[in-house]
PDB file of N, CA and C in Angstrom:
ATOM      1  N   MET A   1      28.627 -37.213  60.546  1.00  0.00           N
ATOM      2  CA  MET A   1      29.707 -36.307  60.838  1.00  0.00           C
ATOM      3  C   MET A   1      29.133 -35.014  61.430  1.00  0.00           C
ATOM      4  N   ARG A   2      29.777 -34.519  62.450  1.00  0.00           N
ATOM      5  CA  ARG A   2      29.357 -33.287  63.099  1.00  0.00           C
ATOM      6  C   ARG A   2      29.671 -32.105  62.191  1.00  0.00           C
ATOM      7  N   THR A   3      28.791 -31.149  62.089  1.00  0.00           N
ATOM      8  CA  THR A   3      29.018 -29.972  61.260  1.00  0.00           C
ATOM      9  C   THR A   3      29.091 -28.726  62.128  1.00  0.00           C
ATOM     10  N   VAL A   4      29.692 -27.677  61.548  1.00  0.00           N
ATOM     11  CA  VAL A   4      29.783 -26.382  62.217  1.00  0.00           C
ATOM     12  C   VAL A   4      29.348 -25.313  61.231  1.00  0.00           C
ATOM     13  N   THR A   5      28.961 -24.177  61.755  1.00  0.00           N
ATOM     14  CA  THR A   5      28.552 -23.057  60.912  1.00  0.00           C
ATOM     15  C   THR A   5      29.792 -22.275  60.493  1.00  0.00           C
ATOM     16  N   PHE A   6      29.799 -21.863  59.226  1.00  0.00           N
ATOM     17  CA  PHE A   6      30.927 -21.125  58.668  1.00  0.00           C
ATOM     18  C   PHE A   6      30.367 -20.021  57.780  1.00  0.00           C
ATOM     19  N   THR A   7      30.775 -18.798  58.020  1.00  0.00           N
ATOM     20  CA  THR A   7      30.294 -17.670  57.233  1.00  0.00           C
ATOM     21  C   THR A   7      31.324 -17.330  56.163  1.00  0.00           C
ATOM     22  N   LEU A   8      30.831 -17.037  54.960  1.00  0.00           N
ATOM     23  CA  LEU A   8      31.718 -16.815  53.831  1.00  0.00           C
ATOM     24  C   LEU A   8      31.173 -15.701  52.947  1.00  0.00           C
ATOM     25  N   ARG A   9      32.050 -14.790  52.525  1.00  0.00           N
ATOM     26  CA  ARG A   9      31.655 -13.761  51.567  1.00  0.00           C
ATOM     27  C   ARG A   9      32.048 -14.237  50.180  1.00  0.00           C
ATOM     28  N   LEU A  10      31.094 -14.154  49.245  1.00  0.00           N
ATOM     29  CA  LEU A  10      31.336 -14.588  47.880  1.00  0.00           C
ATOM     30  C   LEU A  10      31.072 -13.448  46.913  1.00  0.00           C
ATOM     31  N   PRO A  11      31.786 -13.419  45.800  1.00  0.00           N
ATOM     32  CA  PRO A  11      31.417 -12.476  44.747  1.00  0.00           C
ATOM     33  C   PRO A  11      30.002 -12.817  44.260  1.00  0.00           C
ATOM     34  N   LYS A  12      29.241 -11.805  43.914  1.00  0.00           N
ATOM     35  CA  LYS A  12      27.846 -12.006  43.528  1.00  0.00           C
ATOM     36  C   LYS A  12      27.683 -13.022  42.399  1.00  0.00           C
ATOM     37  N   PRO A  13      28.497 -12.965  41.339  1.00  0.00           N
ATOM     38  CA  PRO A  13      28.321 -13.968  40.261  1.00  0.00           C
ATOM     39  C   PRO A  13      28.538 -15.409  40.739  1.00  0.00           C
ATOM     40  N   LEU A  14      29.441 -15.588  41.670  1.00  0.00           N
ATOM     41  CA  LEU A  14      29.679 -16.933  42.207  1.00  0.00           C
ATOM     42  C   LEU A  14      28.464 -17.405  43.006  1.00  0.00           C
ATOM     43  N   LYS A  15      27.914 -16.523  43.797  1.00  0.00           N
ATOM     44  CA  LYS A  15      26.719 -16.857  44.588  1.00  0.00           C
ATOM     45  C   LYS A  15      25.543 -17.179  43.672  1.00  0.00           C
ATOM     46  N   GLU A  16      25.391 -16.389  42.606  1.00  0.00           N
ATOM     47  CA  GLU A  16      24.297 -16.639  41.666  1.00  0.00           C
ATOM     48  C   GLU A  16      24.490 -17.988  40.961  1.00  0.00           C
ATOM     49  N   GLY A  17      25.721 -18.293  40.610  1.00  0.00           N
ATOM     50  CA  GLY A  17      26.006 -19.587  39.987  1.00  0.00           C
ATOM     51  C   GLY A  17      25.680 -20.733  40.927  1.00  0.00           C
ATOM     52  N   LEU A  18      26.009 -20.552  42.188  1.00  0.00           N
ATOM     53  CA  LEU A  18      25.700 -21.568  43.200  1.00  0.00           C
ATOM     54  C   LEU A  18      24.189 -21.749  43.328  1.00  0.00           C
ATOM     55  N   GLU A  19      23.451 -20.654  43.334  1.00  0.00           N
ATOM     56  CA  GLU A  19      21.990 -20.733  43.423  1.00  0.00           C
ATOM     57  C   GLU A  19      21.408 -21.485  42.227  1.00  0.00           C
ATOM     58  N   HIS A  20      21.906 -21.181  41.025  1.00  0.00           N
ATOM     59  CA  HIS A  20      21.406 -21.854  39.819  1.00  0.00           C
ATOM     60  C   HIS A  20      21.730 -23.348  39.852  1.00  0.00           C
ATOM     61  N   LEU A  21      22.951 -23.683  40.252  1.00  0.00           N
ATOM     62  CA  LEU A  21      23.338 -25.091  40.325  1.00  0.00           C
ATOM     63  C   LEU A  21      22.514 -25.827  41.379  1.00  0.00           C
ATOM     64  N   SER A  22      22.260 -25.172  42.481  1.00  0.00           N
ATOM     65  CA  SER A  22      21.461 -25.766  43.544  1.00  0.00           C
ATOM     66  C   SER A  22      20.049 -26.077  43.047  1.00  0.00           C
ATOM     67  N   GLU A  23      19.467 -25.137  42.316  1.00  0.00           N
ATOM     68  CA  GLU A  23      18.125 -25.357  41.767  1.00  0.00           C
ATOM     69  C   GLU A  23      18.134 -26.472  40.724  1.00  0.00           C
ATOM     70  N   ALA A  24      19.137 -26.444  39.843  1.00  0.00           N
ATOM     71  CA  ALA A  24      19.196 -27.427  38.755  1.00  0.00           C
ATOM     72  C   ALA A  24      19.424 -28.847  39.265  1.00  0.00           C
ATOM     73  N   THR A  25      20.207 -28.979  40.316  1.00  0.00           N
ATOM     74  CA  THR A  25      20.531 -30.315  40.842  1.00  0.00           C
ATOM     75  C   THR A  25      19.637 -30.730  41.992  1.00  0.00           C
ATOM     76  N   GLU A  26      18.804 -29.799  42.436  1.00  0.00           N
ATOM     77  CA  GLU A  26      17.940 -30.032  43.589  1.00  0.00           C
ATOM     78  C   GLU A  26      18.747 -30.467  44.804  1.00  0.00           C
ATOM     79  N   ARG A  27      19.887 -29.833  44.972  1.00  0.00           N
ATOM     80  CA  ARG A  27      20.759 -30.071  46.124  1.00  0.00           C
ATOM     81  C   ARG A  27      20.881 -28.772  46.908  1.00  0.00           C
ATOM     82  N   PRO A  28      20.994 -28.850  48.219  1.00  0.00           N
ATOM     83  CA  PRO A  28      21.191 -27.636  49.017  1.00  0.00           C
ATOM     84  C   PRO A  28      22.546 -26.981  48.677  1.00  0.00           C
ATOM     85  N   GLN A  29      22.589 -25.679  48.767  1.00  0.00           N
ATOM     86  CA  GLN A  29      23.831 -24.957  48.498  1.00  0.00           C
ATOM     87  C   GLN A  29      24.943 -25.418  49.443  1.00  0.00           C
ATOM     88  N   ALA A  30      24.597 -25.679  50.680  1.00  0.00           N
ATOM     89  CA  ALA A  30      25.598 -26.135  51.654  1.00  0.00           C
ATOM     90  C   ALA A  30      26.219 -27.457  51.199  1.00  0.00           C
ATOM     91  N   TYR A  31      25.404 -28.339  50.643  1.00  0.00           N
ATOM     92  CA  TYR A  31      25.915 -29.618  50.146  1.00  0.00           C
ATOM     93  C   TYR A  31      26.906 -29.382  49.008  1.00  0.00           C
ATOM     94  N   LEU A  32      26.521 -28.536  48.052  1.00  0.00           N
ATOM     95  CA  LEU A  32      27.393 -28.258  46.905  1.00  0.00           C
ATOM     96  C   LEU A  32      28.702 -27.616  47.347  1.00  0.00           C
ATOM     97  N   LEU A  33      28.634 -26.678  48.274  1.00  0.00           N
ATOM     98  CA  LEU A  33      29.850 -26.034  48.777  1.00  0.00           C
ATOM     99  C   LEU A  33      30.735 -27.029  49.525  1.00  0.00           C
ATOM    100  N   THR A  34      30.129 -27.888  50.313  1.00  0.00           N
ATOM    101  CA  THR A  34      30.899 -28.891  51.054  1.00  0.00           C
ATOM    102  C   THR A  34      31.611 -29.838  50.087  1.00  0.00           C
ATOM    103  N   GLU A  35      30.904 -30.300  49.052  1.00  0.00           N
ATOM    104  CA  GLU A  35      31.510 -31.182  48.061  1.00  0.00           C
ATOM    105  C   GLU A  35      32.661 -30.489  47.325  1.00  0.00           C
ATOM    106  N   ALA A  36      32.434 -29.243  46.928  1.00  0.00           N
ATOM    107  CA  ALA A  36      33.464 -28.498  46.197  1.00  0.00           C
ATOM    108  C   ALA A  36      34.687 -28.266  47.078  1.00  0.00           C
ATOM    109  N   LEU A  37      34.472 -27.869  48.311  1.00  0.00           N
ATOM    110  CA  LEU A  37      35.571 -27.603  49.224  1.00  0.00           C
ATOM    111  C   LEU A  37      36.330 -28.885  49.560  1.00  0.00           C
ATOM    112  N   GLN A  38      35.610 -29.973  49.724  1.00  0.00           N
ATOM    113  CA  GLN A  38      36.261 -31.251  50.013  1.00  0.00           C
ATOM    114  C   GLN A  38      37.158 -31.667  48.845  1.00  0.00           C
ATOM    115  N   GLY A  39      36.665 -31.546  47.629  1.00  0.00           N
ATOM    116  CA  GLY A  39      37.469 -31.877  46.456  1.00  0.00           C
ATOM    117  C   GLY A  39      38.691 -30.989  46.331  1.00  0.00           C
ATOM    118  N   TYR A  40      38.518 -29.700  46.586  1.00  0.00           N
ATOM    119  CA  TYR A  40      39.631 -28.749  46.520  1.00  0.00           C
ATOM    120  C   TYR A  40      40.694 -29.102  47.559  1.00  0.00           C
ATOM    121  N   LEU A  41      40.270 -29.343  48.779  1.00  0.00           N
ATOM    122  CA  LEU A  41      41.229 -29.667  49.843  1.00  0.00           C
ATOM    123  C   LEU A  41      41.975 -30.960  49.550  1.00  0.00           C
ATOM    124  N   GLU A  42      41.281 -31.968  49.053  1.00  0.00           N
ATOM    125  CA  GLU A  42      41.954 -33.228  48.717  1.00  0.00           C
ATOM    126  C   GLU A  42      43.023 -33.006  47.654  1.00  0.00           C
ATOM    127  N   ALA A  43      42.695 -32.229  46.627  1.00  0.00           N
ATOM    128  CA  ALA A  43      43.663 -31.961  45.551  1.00  0.00           C
ATOM    129  C   ALA A  43      44.854 -31.169  46.075  1.00  0.00           C
ATOM    130  N   GLN A  44      44.598 -30.168  46.885  1.00  0.00           N
ATOM    131  CA  GLN A  44      45.679 -29.349  47.414  1.00  0.00           C
ATOM    132  C   GLN A  44      46.548 -30.130  48.387  1.00  0.00           C
ATOM    133  N   GLN A  45      45.931 -30.947  49.224  1.00  0.00           N
ATOM    134  CA  GLN A  45      46.695 -31.745  50.182  1.00  0.00           C
ATOM    135  C   GLN A  45      47.563 -32.755  49.455  1.00  0.00           C
ATOM    136  N   TRP A  46      47.040 -33.346  48.378  1.00  0.00           N
ATOM    137  CA  TRP A  46      47.830 -34.283  47.577  1.00  0.00           C
ATOM    138  C   TRP A  46      49.036 -33.554  46.983  1.00  0.00           C
ATOM    139  N   GLN A  47      48.799 -32.350  46.458  1.00  0.00           N
ATOM    140  CA  GLN A  47      49.887 -31.596  45.833  1.00  0.00           C
ATOM    141  C   GLN A  47      50.951 -31.208  46.871  1.00  0.00           C
ATOM    142  N   VAL A  48      50.530 -30.754  48.015  1.00  0.00           N
ATOM    143  CA  VAL A  48      51.481 -30.385  49.072  1.00  0.00           C
ATOM    144  C   VAL A  48      52.312 -31.603  49.471  1.00  0.00           C
ATOM    145  N   GLN A  49      51.668 -32.747  49.619  1.00  0.00           N
ATOM    146  CA  GLN A  49      52.388 -33.971  49.994  1.00  0.00           C
ATOM    147  C   GLN A  49      53.387 -34.363  48.909  1.00  0.00           C
ATOM    148  N   ALA A  50      52.980 -34.240  47.641  1.00  0.00           N
ATOM    149  CA  ALA A  50      53.880 -34.579  46.527  1.00  0.00           C
ATOM    150  C   ALA A  50      55.091 -33.648  46.504  1.00  0.00           C
ATOM    151  N   ILE A  51      54.865 -32.381  46.773  1.00  0.00           N
ATOM    152  CA  ILE A  51      55.970 -31.410  46.809  1.00  0.00           C
ATOM    153  C   ILE A  51      56.918 -31.731  47.956  1.00  0.00           C
ATOM    154  N   ARG A  52      56.366 -31.999  49.123  1.00  0.00           N
ATOM    155  CA  ARG A  52      57.214 -32.341  50.281  1.00  0.00           C
ATOM    156  C   ARG A  52      58.049 -33.584  50.000  1.00  0.00           C
ATOM    157  N   SER A  53      57.438 -34.565  49.378  1.00  0.00           N
ATOM    158  CA  SER A  53      58.151 -35.796  49.053  1.00  0.00           C
ATOM    159  C   SER A  53      59.271 -35.521  48.050  1.00  0.00           C
ATOM    160  N   ALA A  54      58.987 -34.701  47.036  1.00  0.00           N
ATOM    161  CA  ALA A  54      60.010 -34.381  46.031  1.00  0.00           C
ATOM    162  C   ALA A  54      61.163 -33.584  46.640  1.00  0.00           C
ATOM    163  N   VAL A  55      60.847 -32.655  47.527  1.00  0.00           N
ATOM    164  CA  VAL A  55      61.898 -31.868  48.185  1.00  0.00           C
ATOM    165  C   VAL A  55      62.756 -32.775  49.062  1.00  0.00           C
ATOM    166  N   LYS A  56      62.126 -33.704  49.757  1.00  0.00           N
ATOM    167  CA  LYS A  56      62.876 -34.645  50.599  1.00  0.00           C
ATOM    168  C   LYS A  56      63.835 -35.463  49.748  1.00  0.00           C
ATOM    169  N   LYS A  57      63.359 -35.949  48.585  1.00  0.00           N
ATOM    170  CA  LYS A  57      64.219 -36.712  47.685  1.00  0.00           C
ATOM    171  C   LYS A  57      65.352 -35.838  47.143  1.00  0.00           C
ATOM    172  N   ALA A  58      65.030 -34.598  46.806  1.00  0.00           N
ATOM    173  CA  ALA A  58      66.042 -33.684  46.258  1.00  0.00           C
ATOM    174  C   ALA A  58      67.096 -33.342  47.304  1.00  0.00           C
ATOM    175  N   ASP A  59      66.708 -33.300  48.551  1.00  0.00           N
ATOM    176  CA  ASP A  59      67.644 -32.983  49.627  1.00  0.00           C
ATOM    177  C   ASP A  59      68.491 -34.191  50.046  1.00  0.00           C
ATOM    178  N   SER A  60      68.145 -35.361  49.549  1.00  0.00           N
ATOM    179  CA  SER A  60      68.873 -36.576  49.890  1.00  0.00           C
ATOM    180  C   SER A  60      70.283 -36.549  49.293  1.00  0.00           C
ATOM    181  N   PRO A  61      71.257 -37.093  50.015  1.00  0.00           N
ATOM    182  CA  PRO A  61      72.618 -37.162  49.460  1.00  0.00           C
ATOM    183  C   PRO A  61      72.689 -38.014  48.196  1.00  0.00           C
ATOM    184  N   LYS A  62      71.727 -38.901  47.999  1.00  0.00           N
ATOM    185  CA  LYS A  62      71.707 -39.764  46.819  1.00  0.00           C
ATOM    186  C   LYS A  62      71.026 -39.105  45.614  1.00  0.00           C
ATOM    187  N   ALA A  63      70.545 -37.881  45.787  1.00  0.00           N
ATOM    188  CA  ALA A  63      69.833 -37.202  44.701  1.00  0.00           C
ATOM    189  C   ALA A  63      70.744 -37.010  43.500  1.00  0.00           C
ATOM    190  N   ARG A  64      70.174 -37.218  42.329  1.00  0.00           N
ATOM    191  CA  ARG A  64      70.913 -37.064  41.080  1.00  0.00           C
ATOM    192  C   ARG A  64      70.181 -36.029  40.238  1.00  0.00           C
ATOM    193  N   PHE A  65      70.903 -35.025  39.771  1.00  0.00           N
ATOM    194  CA  PHE A  65      70.303 -33.969  38.977  1.00  0.00           C
ATOM    195  C   PHE A  65      70.885 -33.977  37.569  1.00  0.00           C
ATOM    196  N   ILE A  66      70.059 -33.628  36.604  1.00  0.00           N
ATOM    197  CA  ILE A  66      70.494 -33.543  35.213  1.00  0.00           C
ATOM    198  C   ILE A  66      70.587 -32.067  34.855  1.00  0.00           C
ATOM    199  N   PRO A  67      71.708 -31.651  34.265  1.00  0.00           N
ATOM    200  CA  PRO A  67      71.860 -30.244  33.901  1.00  0.00           C
ATOM    201  C   PRO A  67      70.752 -29.781  32.939  1.00  0.00           C
ATOM    202  N   HIS A  68      70.349 -28.543  33.097  1.00  0.00           N
ATOM    203  CA  HIS A  68      69.264 -27.961  32.318  1.00  0.00           C
ATOM    204  C   HIS A  68      69.520 -28.102  30.811  1.00  0.00           C
ATOM    205  N   GLU A  69      70.719 -27.828  30.395  1.00  0.00           N
ATOM    206  CA  GLU A  69      71.058 -27.892  28.971  1.00  0.00           C
ATOM    207  C   GLU A  69      70.858 -29.308  28.423  1.00  0.00           C
ATOM    208  N   GLN A  70      71.187 -30.293  29.216  1.00  0.00           N
ATOM    209  CA  GLN A  70      71.014 -31.689  28.801  1.00  0.00           C
ATOM    210  C   GLN A  70      69.528 -32.032  28.653  1.00  0.00           C
ATOM    211  N   VAL A  71      68.718 -31.522  29.560  1.00  0.00           N
ATOM    212  CA  VAL A  71      67.275 -31.756  29.483  1.00  0.00           C
ATOM    213  C   VAL A  71      66.715 -31.105  28.220  1.00  0.00           C
ATOM    214  N   LEU A  72      67.130 -29.859  27.960  1.00  0.00           N
ATOM    215  CA  LEU A  72      66.652 -29.161  26.764  1.00  0.00           C
ATOM    216  C   LEU A  72      67.051 -29.906  25.490  1.00  0.00           C
ATOM    217  N   ALA A  73      68.269 -30.398  25.441  1.00  0.00           N
ATOM    218  CA  ALA A  73      68.729 -31.143  24.270  1.00  0.00           C
ATOM    219  C   ALA A  73      67.891 -32.401  24.073  1.00  0.00           C
ATOM    220  N   HIS A  74      67.563 -33.056  25.157  1.00  0.00           N
ATOM    221  CA  HIS A  74      66.745 -34.273  25.078  1.00  0.00           C
ATOM    222  C   HIS A  74      65.343 -33.940  24.563  1.00  0.00           C
ATOM    223  N   ILE A  75      64.757 -32.889  25.078  1.00  0.00           N
ATOM    224  CA  ILE A  75      63.414 -32.488  24.646  1.00  0.00           C
ATOM    225  C   ILE A  75      63.422 -32.086  23.180  1.00  0.00           C
ATOM    226  N   LYS A  76      64.477 -31.397  22.768  1.00  0.00           N
ATOM    227  CA  LYS A  76      64.574 -30.924  21.390  1.00  0.00           C
ATOM    228  C   LYS A  76      64.500 -32.080  20.397  1.00  0.00           C
ATOM    229  N   GLN A  77      64.987 -33.243  20.776  1.00  0.00           N
ATOM    230  CA  GLN A  77      64.920 -34.425  19.911  1.00  0.00           C
ATOM    231  C   GLN A  77      63.481 -34.766  19.531  1.00  0.00           C
ATOM    232  N   PHE A  78      62.572 -34.511  20.426  1.00  0.00           N
ATOM    233  CA  PHE A  78      61.183 -34.884  20.212  1.00  0.00           C
ATOM    234  C   PHE A  78      60.326 -33.741  19.683  1.00  0.00           C
ATOM    235  N   THR A  79      60.829 -32.518  19.776  1.00  0.00           N
ATOM    236  CA  THR A  79      60.023 -31.379  19.363  1.00  0.00           C
ATOM    237  C   THR A  79      60.506 -30.746  18.069  1.00  0.00           C
ATOM    238  N   SER A  80      61.683 -31.088  17.631  1.00  0.00           N
ATOM    239  CA  SER A  80      62.210 -30.524  16.387  1.00  0.00           C
ATOM    240  C   SER A  80      61.523 -31.165  15.198  1.00  0.00           C
ATOM    241  N   LYS A  81      61.221 -30.327  14.204  1.00  0.00           N
ATOM    242  CA  LYS A  81      60.636 -30.850  12.972  1.00  0.00           C
ATOM    243  C   LYS A  81      61.752 -31.436  12.130  1.00  0.00           C
ATOM    244  N   PRO A  82      61.519 -32.609  11.586  1.00  0.00           N
ATOM    245  CA  PRO A  82      62.560 -33.198  10.740  1.00  0.00           C
ATOM    246  C   PRO A  82      62.770 -32.339   9.485  1.00  0.00           C
ATOM    247  N   LYS A  83      64.018 -32.233   9.065  1.00  0.00           N
ATOM    248  CA  LYS A  83      64.328 -31.452   7.870  1.00  0.00           C
ATOM    249  C   LYS A  83      63.972 -32.279   6.653  1.00  0.00           C
ATOM    250  N   ARG A  84      63.319 -31.618   5.689  1.00  0.00           N
ATOM    251  CA  ARG A  84      62.958 -32.303   4.446  1.00  0.00           C
ATOM    252  C   ARG A  84      64.146 -32.291   3.491  1.00  0.00           C
ATOM    253  N   ALA A  85      64.254 -33.360   2.764  1.00  0.00           N
ATOM    254  CA  ALA A  85      65.295 -33.425   1.748  1.00  0.00           C
ATOM    255  C   ALA A  85      64.891 -32.561   0.568  1.00  0.00           C
ATOM    256  N   ARG A  86      65.832 -31.798   0.054  1.00  0.00           N
ATOM    257  CA  ARG A  86      65.540 -30.948  -1.112  1.00  0.00           C
ATOM    258  C   ARG A  86      65.560 -31.777  -2.374  1.00  0.00           C
ATOM    259  N   ARG A  87      64.730 -31.397  -3.315  1.00  0.00           N
ATOM    260  CA  ARG A  87      64.676 -32.133  -4.595  1.00  0.00           C
ATOM    261  C   ARG A  87      65.431 -31.402  -5.656  1.00  0.00           C
TER     262      ARG A  87
END
């Protein structure tokens, strides 16, 4: 894969952490940054796609919504502590 040069300003503690990780793993800092950025972009792109898909479904005429109060009542069934019988 073709690479390009990219300049980046980092907070000093982040740069120091990168240097330590690079030494500990015997990997170049550029490799570690590329791996981290690739993972971040994949996660963000997945999230953006999931949001777009959900908005598309919500905008559909067939979309069905449950009132907030009904959702809360349903959740309460599972989060309420059962009442103890008095002796």
